[in-house]
Amino acid sequence: MGKMPGRWWTKWEDRSECFDENGTFIGDREQSATSRTFLAISHDWMDKEELDKLERIMR
């Protein structure tokens, strides 16, 4: 699906563990599938509407 919106992308400090700068997945698919938490998002920089939209995309 490509990169997240710019302001989310730049705030995700560990993104290079899973994605290259073009938004292409480079992580370990097996580990991602079994991991309980793929992405932890702080509520202090994303409002509820944005968080709800992101959750729908991820599902």
N, C-alpha and C. Protein backbone atom coordinates (compact mmCIF):
# COMPACT_ATOMS: atom_id res chain seq x y z
N MET A 1 0.82 -1.20 0.00
CA MET A 1 0.00 0.00 0.00
C MET A 1 0.86 1.26 0.00
N GLY A 2 2.16 1.11 0.11
CA GLY A 2 3.03 2.29 0.08
C GLY A 2 3.26 2.90 1.45
N LYS A 3 3.86 4.06 1.42
CA LYS A 3 4.19 4.76 2.67
C LYS A 3 2.95 5.24 3.40
N MET A 4 3.11 5.39 4.70
CA MET A 4 2.09 6.05 5.51
C MET A 4 2.15 7.53 5.19
N PRO A 5 1.14 8.29 5.58
CA PRO A 5 1.21 9.75 5.38
C PRO A 5 2.51 10.30 5.99
N GLY A 6 3.07 11.33 5.35
CA GLY A 6 4.37 11.87 5.71
C GLY A 6 4.60 12.14 7.17
N ARG A 7 3.65 12.76 7.84
CA ARG A 7 3.87 13.09 9.25
C ARG A 7 3.91 11.85 10.13
N TRP A 8 3.23 10.78 9.74
CA TRP A 8 3.31 9.52 10.49
C TRP A 8 4.63 8.84 10.19
N TRP A 9 4.99 8.81 8.90
CA TRP A 9 6.20 8.12 8.44
C TRP A 9 7.43 8.66 9.14
N THR A 10 7.56 9.97 9.21
CA THR A 10 8.76 10.57 9.80
C THR A 10 8.82 10.40 11.31
N LYS A 11 7.70 10.21 11.96
CA LYS A 11 7.70 10.04 13.42
C LYS A 11 7.95 8.60 13.84
N TRP A 12 7.82 7.66 12.92
CA TRP A 12 8.03 6.24 13.22
C TRP A 12 9.52 5.96 13.15
N GLU A 13 10.18 6.02 14.29
CA GLU A 13 11.63 5.92 14.36
C GLU A 13 12.17 4.56 13.93
N ASP A 14 11.44 3.49 14.15
CA ASP A 14 11.93 2.14 13.83
C ASP A 14 11.45 1.63 12.48
N ARG A 15 10.96 2.52 11.62
CA ARG A 15 10.40 2.07 10.34
C ARG A 15 11.42 1.33 9.47
N SER A 16 12.70 1.66 9.61
CA SER A 16 13.72 1.02 8.77
C SER A 16 13.89 -0.46 9.08
N GLU A 17 13.32 -0.93 10.19
CA GLU A 17 13.37 -2.36 10.51
C GLU A 17 12.40 -3.15 9.65
N CYS A 18 11.38 -2.48 9.12
CA CYS A 18 10.34 -3.17 8.35
C CYS A 18 10.20 -2.66 6.92
N PHE A 19 10.55 -1.39 6.67
CA PHE A 19 10.33 -0.79 5.36
C PHE A 19 11.53 0.00 4.89
N ASP A 20 11.74 0.02 3.55
CA ASP A 20 12.76 0.91 3.01
C ASP A 20 12.13 2.30 2.85
N GLU A 21 12.88 3.27 2.37
CA GLU A 21 12.38 4.64 2.28
C GLU A 21 11.29 4.82 1.22
N ASN A 22 11.09 3.82 0.36
CA ASN A 22 10.01 3.88 -0.63
C ASN A 22 8.72 3.27 -0.10
N GLY A 23 8.76 2.73 1.12
CA GLY A 23 7.58 2.10 1.71
C GLY A 23 7.45 0.64 1.38
N THR A 24 8.49 0.04 0.80
CA THR A 24 8.48 -1.38 0.47
C THR A 24 8.86 -2.20 1.69
N PHE A 25 8.06 -3.22 2.00
CA PHE A 25 8.31 -4.06 3.16
C PHE A 25 9.61 -4.84 2.98
N ILE A 26 10.49 -4.75 3.97
CA ILE A 26 11.76 -5.48 3.92
C ILE A 26 11.97 -6.32 5.18
N GLY A 27 10.99 -6.31 6.07
CA GLY A 27 11.12 -7.01 7.34
C GLY A 27 10.93 -8.51 7.20
N ASP A 28 10.89 -9.16 8.30
CA ASP A 28 10.71 -10.60 8.39
C ASP A 28 9.21 -10.90 8.45
N ARG A 29 8.64 -11.37 7.35
CA ARG A 29 7.19 -11.63 7.30
C ARG A 29 6.76 -12.66 8.33
N GLU A 30 7.57 -13.65 8.57
CA GLU A 30 7.22 -14.69 9.55
C GLU A 30 7.13 -14.08 10.95
N GLN A 31 8.08 -13.25 11.30
CA GLN A 31 8.07 -12.61 12.62
C GLN A 31 6.88 -11.66 12.72
N SER A 32 6.60 -10.89 11.67
CA SER A 32 5.49 -9.94 11.69
C SER A 32 4.16 -10.65 11.87
N ALA A 33 4.02 -11.81 11.25
CA ALA A 33 2.76 -12.56 11.33
C ALA A 33 2.52 -13.10 12.73
N THR A 34 3.57 -13.40 13.46
CA THR A 34 3.40 -13.98 14.79
C THR A 34 3.52 -12.96 15.91
N SER A 35 3.96 -11.77 15.58
CA SER A 35 4.12 -10.72 16.58
C SER A 35 2.76 -10.21 17.03
N ARG A 36 2.61 -9.96 18.31
CA ARG A 36 1.34 -9.44 18.82
C ARG A 36 1.18 -7.97 18.51
N THR A 37 2.25 -7.22 18.46
CA THR A 37 2.19 -5.79 18.17
C THR A 37 3.07 -5.49 16.98
N PHE A 38 2.47 -5.05 15.91
CA PHE A 38 3.23 -4.71 14.72
C PHE A 38 3.70 -3.26 14.79
N LEU A 39 2.83 -2.40 15.28
CA LEU A 39 3.14 -0.97 15.31
C LEU A 39 2.47 -0.35 16.52
N ALA A 40 3.24 0.26 17.38
CA ALA A 40 2.69 0.96 18.53
C ALA A 40 2.65 2.45 18.21
N ILE A 41 1.49 3.05 18.37
CA ILE A 41 1.31 4.46 18.02
C ILE A 41 0.96 5.25 19.26
N SER A 42 1.68 6.32 19.46
CA SER A 42 1.42 7.20 20.58
C SER A 42 0.21 8.08 20.27
N HIS A 43 -0.68 8.22 21.21
CA HIS A 43 -1.89 9.02 21.00
C HIS A 43 -1.62 10.52 21.07
N ASP A 44 -0.45 10.93 21.47
CA ASP A 44 -0.20 12.36 21.63
C ASP A 44 0.06 13.09 20.32
N TRP A 45 0.29 12.40 19.23
CA TRP A 45 0.50 13.08 17.94
C TRP A 45 -0.47 12.66 16.86
N MET A 46 -1.47 11.85 17.21
CA MET A 46 -2.48 11.43 16.25
C MET A 46 -3.85 11.55 16.91
N ASP A 47 -4.76 12.27 16.25
CA ASP A 47 -6.08 12.41 16.86
C ASP A 47 -6.91 11.13 16.63
N LYS A 48 -8.02 11.04 17.32
CA LYS A 48 -8.83 9.82 17.30
C LYS A 48 -9.29 9.47 15.89
N GLU A 49 -9.68 10.44 15.11
CA GLU A 49 -10.15 10.17 13.75
C GLU A 49 -9.04 9.54 12.90
N GLU A 50 -7.82 10.09 12.99
CA GLU A 50 -6.70 9.53 12.25
C GLU A 50 -6.38 8.12 12.73
N LEU A 51 -6.41 7.91 14.02
CA LEU A 51 -6.13 6.59 14.58
C LEU A 51 -7.17 5.57 14.12
N ASP A 52 -8.44 5.97 14.08
CA ASP A 52 -9.50 5.08 13.60
C ASP A 52 -9.29 4.72 12.13
N LYS A 53 -8.89 5.71 11.32
CA LYS A 53 -8.65 5.46 9.90
C LYS A 53 -7.47 4.50 9.71
N LEU A 54 -6.41 4.73 10.47
CA LEU A 54 -5.24 3.85 10.38
C LEU A 54 -5.61 2.43 10.78
N GLU A 55 -6.40 2.28 11.83
CA GLU A 55 -6.81 0.94 12.27
C GLU A 55 -7.61 0.24 11.18
N ARG A 56 -8.50 0.96 10.49
CA ARG A 56 -9.27 0.35 9.39
C ARG A 56 -8.36 -0.08 8.25
N ILE A 57 -7.36 0.73 7.94
CA ILE A 57 -6.40 0.38 6.88
C ILE A 57 -5.63 -0.87 7.27
N MET A 58 -5.14 -0.91 8.50
CA MET A 58 -4.33 -2.03 8.95
C MET A 58 -5.15 -3.33 8.99
N ARG A 59 -6.41 -3.23 9.34
CA ARG A 59 -7.25 -4.44 9.39
C ARG A 59 -7.51 -4.94 7.98
